[in-house]
C-alpha atoms as a PDB file:
ATOM      1  CA  MET A   1      -5.315  15.864  43.617  1.00  0.00           C
ATOM      2  CA  ASP A   2      -2.243  14.338  41.890  1.00  0.00           C
ATOM      3  CA  ASP A   3      -2.642  12.200  38.797  1.00  0.00           C
ATOM      4  CA  HIS A   4      -1.807   8.570  38.843  1.00  0.00           C
ATOM      5  CA  PRO A   5      -1.444   5.998  36.122  1.00  0.00           C
ATOM      6  CA  ASN A   6      -4.044   3.842  37.787  1.00  0.00           C
ATOM      7  CA  GLN A   7      -6.529   6.678  37.810  1.00  0.00           C
ATOM      8  CA  ASN A   8      -5.964   7.248  34.040  1.00  0.00           C
ATOM      9  CA  GLY A   9      -6.525   3.560  33.593  1.00  0.00           C
ATOM     10  CA  LEU A  10      -9.736   3.817  35.525  1.00  0.00           C
ATOM     11  CA  TYR A  11     -10.899   6.611  33.197  1.00  0.00           C
ATOM     12  CA  ARG A  12     -10.130   4.344  30.142  1.00  0.00           C
ATOM     13  CA  ALA A  13     -12.042   1.615  31.744  1.00  0.00           C
ATOM     14  CA  GLY A  14     -15.001   3.947  32.290  1.00  0.00           C
ATOM     15  CA  ALA A  15     -14.800   5.113  28.714  1.00  0.00           C
ATOM     16  CA  ILE A  16     -14.662   1.575  27.343  1.00  0.00           C
ATOM     17  CA  SER A  17     -17.566   0.624  29.686  1.00  0.00           C
ATOM     18  CA  ALA A  18     -19.676   3.463  28.144  1.00  0.00           C
ATOM     19  CA  VAL A  19     -18.971   2.281  24.606  1.00  0.00           C
ATOM     20  CA  VAL A  20     -19.868  -1.347  25.630  1.00  0.00           C
ATOM     21  CA  ILE A  21     -23.188  -0.111  27.015  1.00  0.00           C
ATOM     22  CA  VAL A  22     -23.895   1.677  23.794  1.00  0.00           C
ATOM     23  CA  ILE A  23     -23.083  -1.306  21.667  1.00  0.00           C
ATOM     24  CA  VAL A  24     -25.333  -3.580  23.819  1.00  0.00           C
ATOM     25  CA  PHE A  25     -28.281  -1.193  23.542  1.00  0.00           C
ATOM     26  CA  LEU A  26     -27.832  -0.837  19.816  1.00  0.00           C
ATOM     27  CA  ILE A  27     -27.775  -4.563  19.393  1.00  0.00           C
ATOM     28  CA  GLU A  28     -30.942  -4.938  21.573  1.00  0.00           C
ATOM     29  CA  MET A  29     -32.553  -2.105  19.521  1.00  0.00           C
ATOM     30  CA  VAL A  30     -31.880  -3.906  16.260  1.00  0.00           C
ATOM     31  CA  VAL A  31     -33.135  -7.278  17.470  1.00  0.00           C
ATOM     32  CA  ILE A  32     -36.246  -5.780  18.969  1.00  0.00           C
ATOM     33  CA  LEU A  33     -37.017  -3.763  15.821  1.00  0.00           C
ATOM     34  CA  ALA A  34     -36.535  -7.015  13.770  1.00  0.00           C
ATOM     35  CA  PHE A  35     -38.263  -9.606  15.957  1.00  0.00           C
ATOM     36  CA  GLY A  36     -40.580  -7.596  18.282  1.00  0.00           C
ATOM     37  CA  LEU A  37     -40.777  -6.659  22.059  1.00  0.00           C
ATOM     38  CA  PRO A  38     -39.951  -9.218  24.717  1.00  0.00           C
ATOM     39  CA  ALA A  39     -42.647 -11.793  25.326  1.00  0.00           C
ATOM     40  CA  SER A  40     -45.315 -10.915  27.885  1.00  0.00           C
ATOM     41  CA  THR A  41     -46.154 -14.548  28.867  1.00  0.00           C
ATOM     42  CA  ALA A  42     -44.013 -17.545  29.960  1.00  0.00           C
ATOM     43  CA  GLU A  43     -45.221 -19.698  27.037  1.00  0.00           C
ATOM     44  CA  ALA A  44     -44.393 -16.955  24.452  1.00  0.00           C
ATOM     45  CA  TRP A  45     -40.931 -16.477  26.177  1.00  0.00           C
ATOM     46  CA  PHE A  46     -40.360 -20.238  25.851  1.00  0.00           C
ATOM     47  CA  ALA A  47     -41.234 -20.209  22.274  1.00  0.00           C
ATOM     48  CA  VAL A  48     -38.935 -17.250  21.493  1.00  0.00           C
ATOM     49  CA  LEU A  49     -35.965 -19.141  23.225  1.00  0.00           C
ATOM     50  CA  GLN A  50     -36.792 -22.343  21.472  1.00  0.00           C
ATOM     51  CA  ARG A  51     -36.823 -20.754  17.973  1.00  0.00           C
ATOM     52  CA  ASN A  52     -33.316 -19.219  18.251  1.00  0.00           C
ATOM     53  CA  ARG A  53     -31.567 -19.247  21.609  1.00  0.00           C
ATOM     54  CA  PHE A  54     -29.081 -16.556  20.709  1.00  0.00           C
ATOM     55  CA  VAL A  55     -31.657 -14.095  19.278  1.00  0.00           C
ATOM     56  CA  GLY A  56     -34.150 -15.089  22.074  1.00  0.00           C
ATOM     57  CA  LEU A  57     -31.601 -14.083  24.747  1.00  0.00           C
ATOM     58  CA  ILE A  58     -31.100 -10.777  23.173  1.00  0.00           C
ATOM     59  CA  GLN A  59     -34.871 -10.262  22.451  1.00  0.00           C
ATOM     60  CA  THR A  60     -35.740 -10.986  26.068  1.00  0.00           C
ATOM     61  CA  LEU A  61     -32.984  -8.431  27.166  1.00  0.00           C
ATOM     62  CA  GLY A  62     -30.517 -10.924  28.329  1.00  0.00           C
ATOM     63  CA  LEU A  63     -27.730  -8.616  27.214  1.00  0.00           C
ATOM     64  CA  ASP A  64     -29.012  -6.189  29.801  1.00  0.00           C
ATOM     65  CA  LEU A  65     -26.835  -8.203  32.275  1.00  0.00           C
ATOM     66  CA  VAL A  66     -23.720  -7.071  30.379  1.00  0.00           C
ATOM     67  CA  ALA A  67     -24.856  -3.442  30.175  1.00  0.00           C
ATOM     68  CA  VAL A  68     -25.746  -3.352  33.828  1.00  0.00           C
ATOM     69  CA  ALA A  69     -22.404  -4.811  34.879  1.00  0.00           C
ATOM     70  CA  PHE A  70     -20.466  -2.199  32.871  1.00  0.00           C
ATOM     71  CA  HIS A  71     -22.202   0.504  34.756  1.00  0.00           C
ATOM     72  CA  ALA A  72     -19.973  -0.222  37.767  1.00  0.00           C
ATOM     73  CA  PRO A  73     -16.735   0.739  36.155  1.00  0.00           C
ATOM     74  CA  LEU A  74     -18.384   3.645  34.389  1.00  0.00           C
ATOM     75  CA  TYR A  75     -19.778   5.101  37.641  1.00  0.00           C
ATOM     76  CA  LEU A  76     -16.458   4.534  39.496  1.00  0.00           C
ATOM     77  CA  ALA A  77     -14.620   6.403  36.754  1.00  0.00           C
ATOM     78  CA  LEU A  78     -17.147   9.314  36.854  1.00  0.00           C
ATOM     79  CA  PHE A  79     -16.910   9.371  40.661  1.00  0.00           C
ATOM     80  CA  PHE A  80     -13.133   9.734  40.613  1.00  0.00           C
ATOM     81  CA  PHE A  81     -13.126  12.211  37.862  1.00  0.00           C
ATOM     82  CA  LEU A  82     -15.941  14.471  39.197  1.00  0.00           C
ATOM     83  CA  ARG A  83     -14.862  14.370  42.768  1.00  0.00           C
ATOM     84  CA  GLN A  84     -12.831  17.499  42.024  1.00  0.00           C
ATOM     85  CA  VAL A  85     -16.088  19.345  42.253  1.00  0.00           C
ATOM     86  CA  LYS A  86     -16.001  19.497  46.030  1.00  0.00           C
ATOM     87  CA  LYS A  87     -19.288  21.236  46.603  1.00  0.00           C
ATOM     88  CA  HIS A  88     -21.307  18.429  45.013  1.00  0.00           C
ATOM     89  CA  SER A  89     -19.404  15.541  46.624  1.00  0.00           C
ATOM     90  CA  ALA A  90     -22.523  14.287  48.498  1.00  0.00           C
ATOM     91  CA  ALA A  91     -24.526  14.095  45.261  1.00  0.00           C
ATOM     92  CA  LEU A  92     -21.735  12.276  43.551  1.00  0.00           C
ATOM     93  CA  LEU A  93     -21.399   9.824  46.374  1.00  0.00           C
ATOM     94  CA  LEU A  94     -25.043   9.048  46.304  1.00  0.00           C
ATOM     95  CA  SER A  95     -24.939   8.599  42.580  1.00  0.00           C
ATOM     96  CA  LEU A  96     -22.234   5.898  42.940  1.00  0.00           C
ATOM     97  CA  VAL A  97     -23.939   4.199  45.953  1.00  0.00           C
ATOM     98  CA  PHE A  98     -27.381   4.164  44.057  1.00  0.00           C
ATOM     99  CA  SER A  99     -25.754   2.783  40.920  1.00  0.00           C
ATOM    100  CA  LEU A 100     -23.986  -0.015  42.741  1.00  0.00           C
ATOM    101  CA  ILE A 101     -27.126  -1.034  44.746  1.00  0.00           C
ATOM    102  CA  GLY A 102     -29.089  -0.864  41.571  1.00  0.00           C
ATOM    103  CA  ILE A 103     -26.698  -3.204  39.841  1.00  0.00           C
ATOM    104  CA  SER A 104     -26.839  -5.627  42.800  1.00  0.00           C
ATOM    105  CA  VAL A 105     -30.729  -5.495  42.816  1.00  0.00           C
ATOM    106  CA  TYR A 106     -30.902  -6.126  39.156  1.00  0.00           C
ATOM    107  CA  PHE A 107     -28.559  -9.165  39.248  1.00  0.00           C
ATOM    108  CA  ALA A 108     -30.601 -10.607  42.079  1.00  0.00           C
ATOM    109  CA  SER A 109     -33.920 -10.213  40.360  1.00  0.00           C
ATOM    110  CA  ASN A 110     -32.971 -10.966  36.766  1.00  0.00           C
ATOM    111  CA  VAL A 111     -34.731 -14.147  35.460  1.00  0.00           C
ATOM    112  CA  THR A 112     -33.172 -14.510  31.987  1.00  0.00           C
ATOM    113  CA  PHE A 113     -31.282 -17.711  32.616  1.00  0.00           C
ATOM    114  CA  SER A 114     -33.931 -19.144  34.908  1.00  0.00           C
ATOM    115  CA  MET A 115     -36.323 -18.764  32.024  1.00  0.00           C
ATOM    116  CA  LEU A 116     -33.733 -20.366  29.630  1.00  0.00           C
ATOM    117  CA  TYR A 117     -33.646 -23.450  31.894  1.00  0.00           C
ATOM    118  CA  LEU A 118     -37.328 -23.605  32.127  1.00  0.00           C
ATOM    119  CA  SER A 119     -37.748 -23.348  28.422  1.00  0.00           C
ATOM    120  CA  ASP A 120     -35.392 -26.320  27.955  1.00  0.00           C
ATOM    121  CA  GLN A 121     -37.518 -28.207  30.570  1.00  0.00           C
ATOM    122  CA  PHE A 122     -40.693 -27.215  28.877  1.00  0.00           C
ATOM    123  CA  SER A 123     -39.367 -28.376  25.480  1.00  0.00           C
ATOM    124  CA  ALA A 124     -38.322 -31.809  27.006  1.00  0.00           C
ATOM    125  CA  ALA A 125     -41.488 -32.246  29.067  1.00  0.00           C
ATOM    126  CA  ALA A 126     -43.366 -35.496  28.127  1.00  0.00           C
ATOM    127  CA  THR A 127     -46.790 -34.830  29.528  1.00  0.00           C
ATOM    128  CA  GLU A 128     -49.254 -31.900  29.699  1.00  0.00           C
ATOM    129  CA  ILE A 129     -49.088 -32.112  33.462  1.00  0.00           C
ATOM    130  CA  GLN A 130     -45.421 -31.445  33.370  1.00  0.00           C
ATOM    131  CA  LYS A 131     -45.737 -28.608  30.918  1.00  0.00           C
ATOM    132  CA  ALA A 132     -48.488 -27.024  33.088  1.00  0.00           C
ATOM    133  CA  GLN A 133     -46.155 -27.159  36.184  1.00  0.00           C
ATOM    134  CA  ILE A 134     -43.171 -25.699  34.162  1.00  0.00           C
ATOM    135  CA  LEU A 135     -45.571 -22.892  32.833  1.00  0.00           C
ATOM    136  CA  THR A 136     -46.632 -22.103  36.276  1.00  0.00           C
ATOM    137  CA  SER A 137     -42.945 -21.747  37.321  1.00  0.00           C
ATOM    138  CA  GLY A 138     -42.417 -19.583  34.219  1.00  0.00           C
ATOM    139  CA  GLN A 139     -45.300 -17.292  35.198  1.00  0.00           C
ATOM    140  CA  THR A 140     -43.773 -16.970  38.625  1.00  0.00           C
ATOM    141  CA  MET A 141     -40.564 -15.798  36.932  1.00  0.00           C
ATOM    142  CA  MET A 142     -42.476 -13.393  34.799  1.00  0.00           C
ATOM    143  CA  ALA A 143     -44.019 -11.965  38.024  1.00  0.00           C
ATOM    144  CA  ILE A 144     -40.485 -11.404  39.350  1.00  0.00           C
ATOM    145  CA  TYR A 145     -39.396  -9.904  35.861  1.00  0.00           C
ATOM    146  CA  ASN A 146     -42.191  -7.439  35.973  1.00  0.00           C
ATOM    147  CA  GLY A 147     -42.039  -6.938  39.806  1.00  0.00           C
ATOM    148  CA  THR A 148     -40.407  -4.855  42.524  1.00  0.00           C
ATOM    149  CA  GLY A 149     -36.817  -5.847  41.963  1.00  0.00           C
ATOM    150  CA  PRO A 150     -36.198  -4.684  38.375  1.00  0.00           C
ATOM    151  CA  PHE A 151     -38.427  -1.554  38.976  1.00  0.00           C
ATOM    152  CA  VAL A 152     -36.275  -0.589  42.014  1.00  0.00           C
ATOM    153  CA  ALA A 153     -33.145  -1.294  40.124  1.00  0.00           C
ATOM    154  CA  PHE A 154     -34.052   0.872  37.113  1.00  0.00           C
ATOM    155  CA  LEU A 155     -35.226   3.558  39.636  1.00  0.00           C
ATOM    156  CA  LEU A 156     -31.888   3.622  41.329  1.00  0.00           C
ATOM    157  CA  TYR A 157     -30.064   3.748  37.886  1.00  0.00           C
ATOM    158  CA  ALA A 158     -32.236   6.716  36.843  1.00  0.00           C
ATOM    159  CA  VAL A 159     -31.652   8.608  40.127  1.00  0.00           C
ATOM    160  CA  ALA A 160     -27.909   7.885  39.949  1.00  0.00           C
ATOM    161  CA  GLY A 161     -27.819   9.229  36.371  1.00  0.00           C
ATOM    162  CA  ILE A 162     -29.764  12.327  37.341  1.00  0.00           C
ATOM    163  CA  LEU A 163     -27.501  13.049  40.267  1.00  0.00           C
ATOM    164  CA  VAL A 164     -24.241  12.561  38.291  1.00  0.00           C
ATOM    165  CA  SER A 165     -25.721  14.657  35.406  1.00  0.00           C
ATOM    166  CA  ILE A 166     -26.413  17.562  37.910  1.00  0.00           C
ATOM    167  CA  VAL A 167     -22.741  17.296  38.943  1.00  0.00           C
ATOM    168  CA  MET A 168     -21.658  17.436  35.305  1.00  0.00           C
ATOM    169  CA  LEU A 169     -23.845  20.394  34.612  1.00  0.00           C
ATOM    170  CA  ARG A 170     -22.667  22.489  37.536  1.00  0.00           C
ATOM    171  CA  GLY A 171     -19.069  21.265  37.908  1.00  0.00           C
ATOM    172  CA  GLY A 172     -17.413  22.614  34.912  1.00  0.00           C
ATOM    173  CA  LEU A 173     -15.674  19.412  33.865  1.00  0.00           C
ATOM    174  CA  PHE A 174     -18.120  18.416  31.216  1.00  0.00           C
ATOM    175  CA  ALA A 175     -19.851  20.654  28.621  1.00  0.00           C
ATOM    176  CA  PRO A 176     -23.175  21.763  29.983  1.00  0.00           C
ATOM    177  CA  TRP A 177     -25.141  20.016  27.217  1.00  0.00           C
ATOM    178  CA  ILE A 178     -23.886  16.706  28.375  1.00  0.00           C
ATOM    179  CA  GLY A 179     -25.294  17.204  31.882  1.00  0.00           C
ATOM    180  CA  ILE A 180     -28.551  18.405  30.350  1.00  0.00           C
ATOM    181  CA  LEU A 181     -28.742  15.363  28.130  1.00  0.00           C
ATOM    182  CA  GLY A 182     -28.102  13.056  31.004  1.00  0.00           C
ATOM    183  CA  MET A 183     -30.908  14.629  33.149  1.00  0.00           C
ATOM    184  CA  ILE A 184     -33.449  14.459  30.404  1.00  0.00           C
ATOM    185  CA  GLY A 185     -32.609  10.837  29.426  1.00  0.00           C
ATOM    186  CA  ASN A 186     -32.676   9.634  32.973  1.00  0.00           C
ATOM    187  CA  ILE A 187     -35.827  11.412  33.864  1.00  0.00           C
ATOM    188  CA  LEU A 188     -37.534   9.934  30.697  1.00  0.00           C
ATOM    189  CA  GLU A 189     -36.152   6.472  31.747  1.00  0.00           C
ATOM    190  CA  LEU A 190     -38.151   6.713  35.038  1.00  0.00           C
ATOM    191  CA  GLY A 191     -41.288   6.489  32.940  1.00  0.00           C
ATOM    192  CA  LEU A 192     -44.647   6.693  34.649  1.00  0.00           C
ATOM    193  CA  PRO A 193     -45.854   4.825  37.795  1.00  0.00           C
ATOM    194  CA  PRO A 194     -48.160   2.055  36.486  1.00  0.00           C
ATOM    195  CA  ALA A 195     -50.508   2.593  39.402  1.00  0.00           C
ATOM    196  CA  LEU A 196     -51.627   5.892  38.014  1.00  0.00           C
ATOM    197  CA  ASP A 197     -53.409   4.454  35.049  1.00  0.00           C
ATOM    198  CA  PRO A 198     -52.397   1.009  33.885  1.00  0.00           C
ATOM    199  CA  ALA A 199     -53.903   1.453  30.374  1.00  0.00           C
ATOM    200  CA  PHE A 200     -52.243   4.879  29.928  1.00  0.00           C
ATOM    201  CA  PHE A 201     -49.044   3.400  31.252  1.00  0.00           C
ATOM    202  CA  LEU A 202     -48.847   0.586  28.802  1.00  0.00           C
ATOM    203  CA  ARG A 203     -49.381   3.061  25.886  1.00  0.00           C
ATOM    204  CA  ILE A 204     -47.044   5.903  26.991  1.00  0.00           C
ATOM    205  CA  ASP A 205     -44.317   4.348  29.087  1.00  0.00           C
ATOM    206  CA  PRO A 206     -42.580   2.394  26.188  1.00  0.00           C
ATOM    207  CA  ILE A 207     -42.549   5.767  24.230  1.00  0.00           C
ATOM    208  CA  LEU A 208     -40.954   7.645  27.146  1.00  0.00           C
ATOM    209  CA  ILE A 209     -38.291   4.980  27.852  1.00  0.00           C
ATOM    210  CA  GLY A 210     -37.645   4.658  24.118  1.00  0.00           C
ATOM    211  CA  VAL A 211     -36.924   8.504  23.698  1.00  0.00           C
ATOM    212  CA  GLY A 212     -35.041   8.353  27.029  1.00  0.00           C
ATOM    213  CA  GLY A 213     -32.848   5.517  25.814  1.00  0.00           C
ATOM    214  CA  ALA A 214     -32.051   7.314  22.567  1.00  0.00           C
ATOM    215  CA  VAL A 215     -30.971  10.371  24.504  1.00  0.00           C
ATOM    216  CA  LEU A 216     -28.884   8.290  26.791  1.00  0.00           C
ATOM    217  CA  LEU A 217     -27.098   6.646  23.968  1.00  0.00           C
ATOM    218  CA  VAL A 218     -25.737  10.077  23.020  1.00  0.00           C
ATOM    219  CA  TRP A 219     -24.924  10.826  26.671  1.00  0.00           C
ATOM    220  CA  TYR A 220     -22.847   7.626  26.998  1.00  0.00           C
ATOM    221  CA  VAL A 221     -20.953   8.372  23.763  1.00  0.00           C
ATOM    222  CA  ALA A 222     -20.241  11.876  25.096  1.00  0.00           C
ATOM    223  CA  ILE A 223     -19.035  10.517  28.368  1.00  0.00           C
ATOM    224  CA  ALA A 224     -16.809   7.852  26.552  1.00  0.00           C
ATOM    225  CA  VAL A 225     -15.226  10.655  24.383  1.00  0.00           C
ATOM    226  CA  LYS A 226     -14.517  12.841  27.437  1.00  0.00           C
ATOM    227  CA  LEU A 227     -13.008  10.109  29.490  1.00  0.00           C
ATOM    228  CA  PHE A 228     -10.902   8.835  26.603  1.00  0.00           C
ATOM    229  CA  ARG A 229      -9.557  12.438  26.127  1.00  0.00           C
ATOM    230  CA  VAL A 230      -8.761  12.812  29.860  1.00  0.00           C
ATOM    231  CA  SER A 231      -6.996   9.443  30.077  1.00  0.00           C
ATOM    232  CA  ALA A 232      -4.958  10.174  26.869  1.00  0.00           C
ATOM    233  CA  ARG A 233      -3.921  13.599  28.220  1.00  0.00           C
ATOM    234  CA  GLY A 234      -2.705  11.951  31.476  1.00  0.00           C
ATOM    235  CA  ALA A 235      -3.750  14.824  33.542  1.00  0.00           C
ATOM    236  CA  LEU A 236      -6.735  16.170  35.411  1.00  0.00           C
ATOM    237  CA  VAL A 237      -8.721  18.882  33.976  1.00  0.00           C
ATOM    238  CA  PRO A 238      -8.968  22.161  35.942  1.00  0.00           C
ATOM    239  CA  ALA A 239     -12.451  22.649  37.378  1.00  0.00           C
ATOM    240  CA  GLN A 240     -12.953  25.929  35.498  1.00  0.00           C
ATOM    241  CA  GLN A 241     -12.155  24.375  32.171  1.00  0.00           C
ATOM    242  CA  VAL A 242     -15.273  23.278  30.259  1.00  0.00           C
ATOM    243  CA  SER A 243     -14.934  21.058  27.183  1.00  0.00           C
ATOM    244  CA  GLY A 244     -16.980  18.357  25.447  1.00  0.00           C
END
């Protein structure tokens, strides 16, 4: 496969995307540590947004929209870089497809700005009846937020990450530890199915996802470093060459 300036530009875009994702996750982590986890009821969500709109949007994971959007150029860059590994082309293609579908599902089911609008309406409501109606709408949005759409989206991201990590591990274009980190982080991000034991799920799942997120931060940084190096070198890396 011949190199091409546009391809190196795609690698740079993928590297920058990985850096943006890391920055977004770090900002969210700092805000959540400082102000607490996202609200679990519509009224609490409204209160968070009314106290400080900017912090509230971060605390309610509004920045996830940015991180999710930047997964598109990241996975495109990984697809074009790793497609040199011919024997794993099916897994690589599935990884790209799952990531793009996951992005679409997440954007379709995200309720951040709907809740922001309802929060403003709730604040301006003149009667208790109006507030009750808006709260009902808010609870509907919360059901969507905790429902099938976001769950499917994150499931698709995790599977996409596992598949691309397998190609990284076996393809020889990334150091093996990067592929291993990606597999561990994305498996942990899957969490536990809440249907198994809701009480146990509520205790354990945030821990698994938190540890998985920390592992994935290192994974994204490693990907960014690799793609920056490849784009700066201006040449494709031979499949037998393993570097960090």
